PDB file of N, CA and C in Angstrom:
ATOM      1  N   GLY A   1       0.932  -1.277   0.080  1.00  0.00           N
ATOM      2  CA  GLY A   1       0.198   0.062   0.096  1.00  0.00           C
ATOM      3  C   GLY A   1       0.826   1.053  -0.078  1.00  0.00           C
ATOM      4  N   ALA A   2       2.133   1.345   0.537  1.00  0.00           N
ATOM      5  CA  ALA A   2       2.781   2.354   0.865  1.00  0.00           C
ATOM      6  C   ALA A   2       3.104   3.095  -0.468  1.00  0.00           C
ATOM      7  N   ARG A   3       3.248   2.416  -1.673  1.00  0.00           N
ATOM      8  CA  ARG A   3       3.525   2.848  -2.990  1.00  0.00           C
ATOM      9  C   ARG A   3       2.503   3.169  -3.754  1.00  0.00           C
ATOM     10  N   MET A   4       1.514   3.055  -3.340  1.00  0.00           N
ATOM     11  CA  MET A   4       0.197   3.076  -4.136  1.00  0.00           C
ATOM     12  C   MET A   4      -0.022   4.801  -4.449  1.00  0.00           C
ATOM     13  N   PRO A   5      -0.838   5.096  -5.324  1.00  0.00           N
ATOM     14  CA  PRO A   5      -1.146   6.787  -5.887  1.00  0.00           C
ATOM     15  C   PRO A   5      -2.038   6.932  -4.666  1.00  0.00           C
ATOM     16  N   ALA A   6      -2.424   8.084  -4.167  1.00  0.00           N
ATOM     17  CA  ALA A   6      -2.713   8.719  -3.041  1.00  0.00           C
ATOM     18  C   ALA A   6      -4.270   8.534  -3.062  1.00  0.00           C
ATOM     19  N   ASP A   7      -4.953   8.380  -4.342  1.00  0.00           N
ATOM     20  CA  ASP A   7      -6.395   8.231  -4.260  1.00  0.00           C
ATOM     21  C   ASP A   7      -6.616   6.606  -3.832  1.00  0.00           C
ATOM     22  N   ASP A   8      -5.909   5.787  -4.658  1.00  0.00           N
ATOM     23  CA  ASP A   8      -6.238   4.203  -4.074  1.00  0.00           C
ATOM     24  C   ASP A   8      -5.395   3.889  -2.656  1.00  0.00           C
ATOM     25  N   GLY A   9      -4.876   4.880  -1.960  1.00  0.00           N
ATOM     26  CA  GLY A   9      -4.394   4.316  -0.560  1.00  0.00           C
ATOM     27  C   GLY A   9      -5.671   4.966   0.271  1.00  0.00           C
ATOM     28  N   GLN A  10      -6.213   6.147  -0.341  1.00  0.00           N
ATOM     29  CA  GLN A  10      -7.130   6.630   0.837  1.00  0.00           C
ATOM     30  C   GLN A  10      -8.455   5.335   0.413  1.00  0.00           C
ATOM     31  N   LYS A  11      -8.873   5.055  -0.593  1.00  0.00           N
ATOM     32  CA  LYS A  11      -9.776   3.927  -0.714  1.00  0.00           C
ATOM     33  C   LYS A  11      -9.683   2.419   0.074  1.00  0.00           C
ATOM     34  N   GLU A  12      -8.235   2.554   0.184  1.00  0.00           N
ATOM     35  CA  GLU A  12      -7.828   1.280   0.988  1.00  0.00           C
ATOM     36  C   GLU A  12      -7.590   1.426   2.473  1.00  0.00           C
ATOM     37  N   LEU A  13      -7.112   2.682   2.835  1.00  0.00           N
ATOM     38  CA  LEU A  13      -7.438   2.898   4.360  1.00  0.00           C
ATOM     39  C   LEU A  13      -8.675   2.892   4.672  1.00  0.00           C
ATOM     40  N   GLN A  14     -10.110   3.455   3.897  1.00  0.00           N
ATOM     41  CA  GLN A  14     -11.161   3.526   4.069  1.00  0.00           C
ATOM     42  C   GLN A  14     -11.433   1.938   4.027  1.00  0.00           C
ATOM     43  N   ALA A  15     -11.396   1.138   3.539  1.00  0.00           N
ATOM     44  CA  ALA A  15     -11.599  -0.206   3.277  1.00  0.00           C
ATOM     45  C   ALA A  15     -11.424  -0.883   4.847  1.00  0.00           C
ATOM     46  N   ILE A  16      -9.946  -0.678   4.960  1.00  0.00           N
ATOM     47  CA  ILE A  16      -9.473  -1.274   6.342  1.00  0.00           C
ATOM     48  C   ILE A  16     -10.319  -0.995   7.829  1.00  0.00           C
ATOM     49  N   LEU A  17     -10.495   0.455   7.630  1.00  0.00           N
ATOM     50  CA  LEU A  17     -11.780   1.094   8.900  1.00  0.00           C
ATOM     51  C   LEU A  17     -12.586   0.532   8.929  1.00  0.00           C
ATOM     52  N   TRP A  18     -13.144   0.247   7.572  1.00  0.00           N
ATOM     53  CA  TRP A  18     -14.778  -0.461   7.630  1.00  0.00           C
ATOM     54  C   TRP A  18     -14.520  -1.785   8.289  1.00  0.00           C
ATOM     55  N   ARG A  19     -13.637  -2.571   7.778  1.00  0.00           N
ATOM     56  CA  ARG A  19     -13.637  -4.189   8.036  1.00  0.00           C
ATOM     57  C   ARG A  19     -13.016  -4.138   9.610  1.00  0.00           C
ATOM     58  N   HIS A  20     -12.088  -3.363  10.013  1.00  0.00           N
ATOM     59  CA  HIS A  20     -11.766  -3.469  11.389  1.00  0.00           C
ATOM     60  C   HIS A  20     -12.157  -2.648  12.664  1.00  0.00           C
ATOM     61  N   VAL A  21     -12.389  -1.275  12.028  1.00  0.00           N
ATOM     62  CA  VAL A  21     -12.991  -0.350  13.451  1.00  0.00           C
ATOM     63  C   VAL A  21     -14.397  -0.536  13.357  1.00  0.00           C
ATOM     64  N   LYS A  22     -15.011  -0.933  14.600  1.00  0.00           N
ATOM     65  CA  LYS A  22     -16.465  -1.343  14.549  1.00  0.00           C
ATOM     66  C   LYS A  22     -16.965  -0.699  16.335  1.00  0.00           C
ATOM     67  N   CYS A  23     -18.213  -0.378  15.689  1.00  0.00           N
ATOM     68  CA  CYS A  23     -18.891  -0.449  17.511  1.00  0.00           C
ATOM     69  C   CYS A  23     -19.196  -1.659  17.832  1.00  0.00           C
ATOM     70  N   GLY A  24     -19.820  -1.745  18.913  1.00  0.00           N
ATOM     71  CA  GLY A  24     -20.504  -3.096  19.411  1.00  0.00           C
ATOM     72  C   GLY A  24     -19.446  -3.965  20.371  1.00  0.00           C
ATOM     73  N   GLY A  25     -18.401  -2.950  20.895  1.00  0.00           N
ATOM     74  CA  GLY A  25     -17.669  -3.822  22.035  1.00  0.00           C
ATOM     75  C   GLY A  25     -18.175  -3.032  23.522  1.00  0.00           C
ATOM     76  N   VAL A  26     -17.611  -3.551  24.395  1.00  0.00           N
ATOM     77  CA  VAL A  26     -18.024  -3.558  25.921  1.00  0.00           C
ATOM     78  C   VAL A  26     -18.021  -2.283  26.429  1.00  0.00           C
ATOM     79  N   ASN A  27     -17.376  -1.293  25.620  1.00  0.00           N
ATOM     80  CA  ASN A  27     -17.314   0.282  26.252  1.00  0.00           C
ATOM     81  C   ASN A  27     -18.145   0.951  25.326  1.00  0.00           C
ATOM     82  N   ASP A  28     -18.619   0.756  24.652  1.00  0.00           N
ATOM     83  CA  ASP A  28     -19.494   1.420  23.414  1.00  0.00           C
ATOM     84  C   ASP A  28     -20.655   2.428  24.099  1.00  0.00           C
ATOM     85  N   THR A  29     -20.666   3.758  23.899  1.00  0.00           N
ATOM     86  CA  THR A  29     -21.639   4.656  23.975  1.00  0.00           C
ATOM     87  C   THR A  29     -22.852   4.370  22.883  1.00  0.00           C
ATOM     88  N   PRO A  30     -23.875   4.973  23.276  1.00  0.00           N
ATOM     89  CA  PRO A  30     -25.111   5.104  22.294  1.00  0.00           C
ATOM     90  C   PRO A  30     -24.517   6.096  20.705  1.00  0.00           C
ATOM     91  N   ASP A  31     -23.562   7.091  21.540  1.00  0.00           N
ATOM     92  CA  ASP A  31     -23.378   7.624  20.128  1.00  0.00           C
ATOM     93  C   ASP A  31     -21.863   7.228  19.348  1.00  0.00           C
ATOM     94  N   CYS A  32     -21.707   6.415  19.566  1.00  0.00           N
ATOM     95  CA  CYS A  32     -20.422   5.347  18.935  1.00  0.00           C
ATOM     96  C   CYS A  32     -20.802   5.170  17.393  1.00  0.00           C
ATOM     97  N   PRO A  33     -21.710   5.083  16.875  1.00  0.00           N
ATOM     98  CA  PRO A  33     -21.988   4.839  15.325  1.00  0.00           C
ATOM     99  C   PRO A  33     -21.398   6.309  14.591  1.00  0.00           C
ATOM    100  N   LYS A  34     -22.178   7.500  15.198  1.00  0.00           N
ATOM    101  CA  LYS A  34     -21.691   9.078  14.924  1.00  0.00           C
ATOM    102  C   LYS A  34     -20.621   9.223  14.919  1.00  0.00           C
ATOM    103  N   LEU A  35     -19.457   8.985  16.185  1.00  0.00           N
ATOM    104  CA  LEU A  35     -18.442   8.890  16.275  1.00  0.00           C
ATOM    105  C   LEU A  35     -17.524   8.516  15.314  1.00  0.00           C
ATOM    106  N   LEU A  36     -17.822   6.942  15.362  1.00  0.00           N
ATOM    107  CA  LEU A  36     -17.013   6.359  14.171  1.00  0.00           C
ATOM    108  C   LEU A  36     -17.120   6.595  13.076  1.00  0.00           C
ATOM    109  N   GLU A  37     -18.100   6.983  12.363  1.00  0.00           N
ATOM    110  CA  GLU A  37     -18.337   7.840  10.934  1.00  0.00           C
ATOM    111  C   GLU A  37     -17.474   9.542  11.259  1.00  0.00           C
ATOM    112  N   LYS A  38     -17.407   9.853  11.962  1.00  0.00           N
ATOM    113  CA  LYS A  38     -16.585  11.205  12.168  1.00  0.00           C
ATOM    114  C   LYS A  38     -14.836  10.880  11.951  1.00  0.00           C
ATOM    115  N   PHE A  39     -14.852  10.002  12.836  1.00  0.00           N
ATOM    116  CA  PHE A  39     -13.415   9.096  12.601  1.00  0.00           C
ATOM    117  C   PHE A  39     -13.153   8.681  11.258  1.00  0.00           C
ATOM    118  N   ARG A  40     -13.869   8.074  10.700  1.00  0.00           N
ATOM    119  CA  ARG A  40     -13.487   7.357   9.371  1.00  0.00           C
ATOM    120  C   ARG A  40     -13.282   8.495   8.282  1.00  0.00           C
ATOM    121  N   ALA A  41     -14.250   9.727   8.642  1.00  0.00           N
ATOM    122  CA  ALA A  41     -14.178  10.666   7.443  1.00  0.00           C
ATOM    123  C   ALA A  41     -12.989  11.551   7.712  1.00  0.00           C
ATOM    124  N   ALA A  42     -12.569  11.721   9.179  1.00  0.00           N
ATOM    125  CA  ALA A  42     -11.289  12.610   9.257  1.00  0.00           C
ATOM    126  C   ALA A  42      -9.939  11.545   8.967  1.00  0.00           C
ATOM    127  N   ALA A  43      -9.969  10.109   8.786  1.00  0.00           N
ATOM    128  CA  ALA A  43      -8.652   9.720   8.497  1.00  0.00           C
ATOM    129  C   ALA A  43      -8.309   9.730   6.882  1.00  0.00           C
ATOM    130  N   VAL A  44      -7.181  10.350   6.673  1.00  0.00           N
ATOM    131  CA  VAL A  44      -6.614  10.169   5.652  1.00  0.00           C
ATOM    132  C   VAL A  44      -5.356   9.732   4.790  1.00  0.00           C
ATOM    133  N   TYR A  45      -5.356   9.264   4.006  1.00  0.00           N
ATOM    134  CA  TYR A  45      -3.854   8.796   3.413  1.00  0.00           C
ATOM    135  C   TYR A  45      -3.166   9.423   2.755  1.00  0.00           C
ATOM    136  N   LEU A  46      -1.475   9.860   3.051  1.00  0.00           N
ATOM    137  CA  LEU A  46      -0.647  10.411   2.706  1.00  0.00           C
ATOM    138  C   LEU A  46       0.310   9.845   2.126  1.00  0.00           C
ATOM    139  N   GLN A  47       1.059  10.098   1.158  1.00  0.00           N
ATOM    140  CA  GLN A  47       2.450   9.742   0.926  1.00  0.00           C
ATOM    141  C   GLN A  47       3.438  11.178   1.224  1.00  0.00           C
ATOM    142  N   LEU A  48       4.230  10.740   2.276  1.00  0.00           N
ATOM    143  CA  LEU A  48       4.909  11.917   2.932  1.00  0.00           C
ATOM    144  C   LEU A  48       6.718  11.191   2.682  1.00  0.00           C
ATOM    145  N   LYS A  49       7.196  11.666   0.992  1.00  0.00           N
ATOM    146  CA  LYS A  49       8.292  11.291   0.891  1.00  0.00           C
ATOM    147  C   LYS A  49       9.497  12.572   0.706  1.00  0.00           C
ATOM    148  N   THR A  50       9.056  13.619   0.854  1.00  0.00           N
ATOM    149  CA  THR A  50      10.067  14.678   0.840  1.00  0.00           C
ATOM    150  C   THR A  50       9.829  15.876   2.084  1.00  0.00           C
ATOM    151  N   ASP A  51      10.590  16.511   2.199  1.00  0.00           N
ATOM    152  CA  ASP A  51      10.761  17.449   3.436  1.00  0.00           C
ATOM    153  C   ASP A  51       9.337  18.590   3.161  1.00  0.00           C
ATOM    154  N   ASN A  52       8.812  18.637   1.988  1.00  0.00           N
ATOM    155  CA  ASN A  52       8.083  19.663   1.618  1.00  0.00           C
ATOM    156  C   ASN A  52       6.750  18.774   1.683  1.00  0.00           C
ATOM    157  N   ASP A  53       6.802  17.366   1.592  1.00  0.00           N
ATOM    158  CA  ASP A  53       5.522  16.862   1.754  1.00  0.00           C
ATOM    159  C   ASP A  53       4.897  16.933   3.212  1.00  0.00           C
ATOM    160  N   PHE A  54       5.984  16.874   4.103  1.00  0.00           N
ATOM    161  CA  PHE A  54       5.924  16.750   5.667  1.00  0.00           C
ATOM    162  C   PHE A  54       5.399  18.456   6.080  1.00  0.00           C
ATOM    163  N   ARG A  55       6.093  19.784   5.357  1.00  0.00           N
ATOM    164  CA  ARG A  55       5.676  21.049   5.273  1.00  0.00           C
ATOM    165  C   ARG A  55       4.089  21.180   5.381  1.00  0.00           C
ATOM    166  N   THR A  56       3.909  20.443   3.882  1.00  0.00           N
ATOM    167  CA  THR A  56       2.354  20.456   3.465  1.00  0.00           C
ATOM    168  C   THR A  56       1.485  20.137   4.187  1.00  0.00           C
ATOM    169  N   LEU A  57       2.040  18.946   4.981  1.00  0.00           N
ATOM    170  CA  LEU A  57       1.173  18.278   6.176  1.00  0.00           C
ATOM    171  C   LEU A  57       0.562  19.073   7.094  1.00  0.00           C
ATOM    172  N   ALA A  58       1.644  19.785   7.834  1.00  0.00           N
ATOM    173  CA  ALA A  58       1.788  20.608   9.060  1.00  0.00           C
ATOM    174  C   ALA A  58       1.013  21.719   8.659  1.00  0.00           C
ATOM    175  N   GLU A  59       1.014  22.128   7.360  1.00  0.00           N
ATOM    176  CA  GLU A  59      -0.060  23.264   7.315  1.00  0.00           C
ATOM    177  C   GLU A  59      -1.536  23.089   7.044  1.00  0.00           C
ATOM    178  N   GLN A  60      -1.644  21.943   6.384  1.00  0.00           N
ATOM    179  CA  GLN A  60      -2.977  21.541   6.431  1.00  0.00           C
ATOM    180  C   GLN A  60      -3.619  21.072   7.807  1.00  0.00           C
ATOM    181  N   ILE A  61      -2.938  20.674   8.713  1.00  0.00           N
ATOM    182  CA  ILE A  61      -3.242  20.169  10.277  1.00  0.00           C
ATOM    183  C   ILE A  61      -3.681  21.856  10.543  1.00  0.00           C
ATOM    184  N   GLU A  62      -2.501  22.730  10.816  1.00  0.00           N
ATOM    185  CA  GLU A  62      -2.910  24.102  11.222  1.00  0.00           C
ATOM    186  C   GLU A  62      -4.254  24.532  10.877  1.00  0.00           C
ATOM    187  N   ALA A  63      -4.200  24.665   9.335  1.00  0.00           N
ATOM    188  CA  ALA A  63      -5.491  25.125   8.521  1.00  0.00           C
ATOM    189  C   ALA A  63      -6.697  24.462   9.258  1.00  0.00           C
ATOM    190  N   VAL A  64      -6.957  22.940   9.532  1.00  0.00           N
ATOM    191  CA  VAL A  64      -8.132  22.722   9.818  1.00  0.00           C
ATOM    192  C   VAL A  64      -8.533  22.706  11.422  1.00  0.00           C
ATOM    193  N   ASN A  65      -7.233  23.062  12.039  1.00  0.00           N
ATOM    194  CA  ASN A  65      -7.545  23.490  13.553  1.00  0.00           C
ATOM    195  C   ASN A  65      -7.734  24.845  13.528  1.00  0.00           C
ATOM    196  N   LYS A  66      -7.339  25.862  12.837  1.00  0.00           N
ATOM    197  CA  LYS A  66      -7.855  26.994  12.754  1.00  0.00           C
ATOM    198  C   LYS A  66      -9.192  27.221  12.062  1.00  0.00           C
ATOM    199  N   ALA A  67      -9.568  26.507  11.353  1.00  0.00           N
ATOM    200  CA  ALA A  67     -11.102  26.813  10.617  1.00  0.00           C
ATOM    201  C   ALA A  67     -11.870  25.873  11.707  1.00  0.00           C
ATOM    202  N   ARG A  68     -11.700  25.032  12.380  1.00  0.00           N
ATOM    203  CA  ARG A  68     -12.794  24.408  13.432  1.00  0.00           C
ATOM    204  C   ARG A  68     -12.406  24.861  14.881  1.00  0.00           C
ATOM    205  N   GLN A  69     -11.511  25.833  14.801  1.00  0.00           N
ATOM    206  CA  GLN A  69     -11.299  26.223  15.947  1.00  0.00           C
ATOM    207  C   GLN A  69     -10.582  25.330  17.648  1.00  0.00           C
ATOM    208  N   PHE A  70     -10.238  24.537  16.974  1.00  0.00           N
ATOM    209  CA  PHE A  70      -9.266  23.345  17.757  1.00  0.00           C
ATOM    210  C   PHE A  70      -8.253  23.964  18.518  1.00  0.00           C
ATOM    211  N   SER A  71      -8.006  23.499  19.680  1.00  0.00           N
ATOM    212  CA  SER A  71      -7.004  23.792  20.463  1.00  0.00           C
ATOM    213  C   SER A  71      -6.210  22.345  20.743  1.00  0.00           C
ATOM    214  N   GLU A  72      -5.347  22.583  20.014  1.00  0.00           N
ATOM    215  CA  GLU A  72      -4.542  20.978  19.588  1.00  0.00           C
ATOM    216  C   GLU A  72      -3.862  20.354  20.927  1.00  0.00           C
ATOM    217  N   SER A  73      -3.711  19.308  21.300  1.00  0.00           N
ATOM    218  CA  SER A  73      -3.318  18.426  22.262  1.00  0.00           C
ATOM    219  C   SER A  73      -2.084  17.521  22.122  1.00  0.00           C
ATOM    220  N   GLY A  74      -2.049  17.401  20.840  1.00  0.00           N
ATOM    221  CA  GLY A  74      -1.424  16.198  20.330  1.00  0.00           C
ATOM    222  C   GLY A  74      -1.949  15.693  18.906  1.00  0.00           C
ATOM    223  N   ARG A  75      -0.538  15.077  18.679  1.00  0.00           N
ATOM    224  CA  ARG A  75      -1.435  14.679  16.892  1.00  0.00           C
ATOM    225  C   ARG A  75      -0.793  13.067  17.057  1.00  0.00           C
ATOM    226  N   LEU A  76      -1.487  12.345  16.438  1.00  0.00           N
ATOM    227  CA  LEU A  76      -1.514  10.584  15.915  1.00  0.00           C
ATOM    228  C   LEU A  76      -1.370  10.458  14.741  1.00  0.00           C
ATOM    229  N   PHE A  77      -0.095  10.016  14.477  1.00  0.00           N
ATOM    230  CA  PHE A  77       0.285   9.548  12.947  1.00  0.00           C
ATOM    231  C   PHE A  77       0.514   7.757  13.201  1.00  0.00           C
ATOM    232  N   TYR A  78       0.525   7.291  11.925  1.00  0.00           N
ATOM    233  CA  TYR A  78       0.679   5.942  11.731  1.00  0.00           C
ATOM    234  C   TYR A  78       1.937   6.235  10.262  1.00  0.00           C
ATOM    235  N   LEU A  79       2.912   5.849  10.722  1.00  0.00           N
ATOM    236  CA  LEU A  79       3.828   6.083   9.921  1.00  0.00           C
ATOM    237  C   LEU A  79       4.475   4.685   9.310  1.00  0.00           C
ATOM    238  N   SER A  80       4.169   4.000   7.790  1.00  0.00           N
ATOM    239  CA  SER A  80       4.916   2.838   7.757  1.00  0.00           C
ATOM    240  C   SER A  80       6.007   3.323   7.436  1.00  0.00           C
ATOM    241  N   ILE A  81       6.920   2.739   7.602  1.00  0.00           N
ATOM    242  CA  ILE A  81       8.296   2.629   7.528  1.00  0.00           C
ATOM    243  C   ILE A  81       8.574   1.268   7.003  1.00  0.00           C
ATOM    244  N   PRO A  82       9.144   1.339   5.642  1.00  0.00           N
ATOM    245  CA  PRO A  82       9.698   0.050   4.855  1.00  0.00           C
ATOM    246  C   PRO A  82      10.950  -0.634   5.702  1.00  0.00           C
ATOM    247  N   PRO A  83      11.236  -2.102   5.380  1.00  0.00           N
ATOM    248  CA  PRO A  83      11.961  -2.493   6.051  1.00  0.00           C
ATOM    249  C   PRO A  83      13.579  -2.238   5.847  1.00  0.00           C
ATOM    250  N   TYR A  84      13.478  -1.778   4.402  1.00  0.00           N
ATOM    251  CA  TYR A  84      15.070  -1.308   4.145  1.00  0.00           C
ATOM    252  C   TYR A  84      15.580  -0.347   4.934  1.00  0.00           C
ATOM    253  N   ALA A  85      14.417   0.545   5.473  1.00  0.00           N
ATOM    254  CA  ALA A  85      15.034   1.667   6.236  1.00  0.00           C
ATOM    255  C   ALA A  85      15.547   1.446   7.517  1.00  0.00           C
ATOM    256  N   TYR A  86      15.459   0.204   8.062  1.00  0.00           N
ATOM    257  CA  TYR A  86      16.191  -0.254   9.405  1.00  0.00           C
ATOM    258  C   TYR A  86      17.190  -1.088   9.067  1.00  0.00           C
ATOM    259  N   ALA A  87      17.966  -0.915   8.035  1.00  0.00           N
ATOM    260  CA  ALA A  87      19.171  -1.824   7.347  1.00  0.00           C
ATOM    261  C   ALA A  87      20.665  -0.574   7.598  1.00  0.00           C
TER     262      ALA A  87
END
């Protein structure tokens, strides 16, 4: 998935979320379906290959925070690191 075009990566990310992230656990609240839909809608697949890609990501996050009047307390990222990067 890491080398797929962004549109294909976004589709694959959404498919993974639909298959594996669900309501129905012991700690669910009545608003779980609504919150889950908001989470899925906010999840974005990006390829970050260059310094400029990371700068663009930071700018996009700041723009969303400003538009929604969010006060950020942290960020969650999933960064897929290829095996050759460890060698």
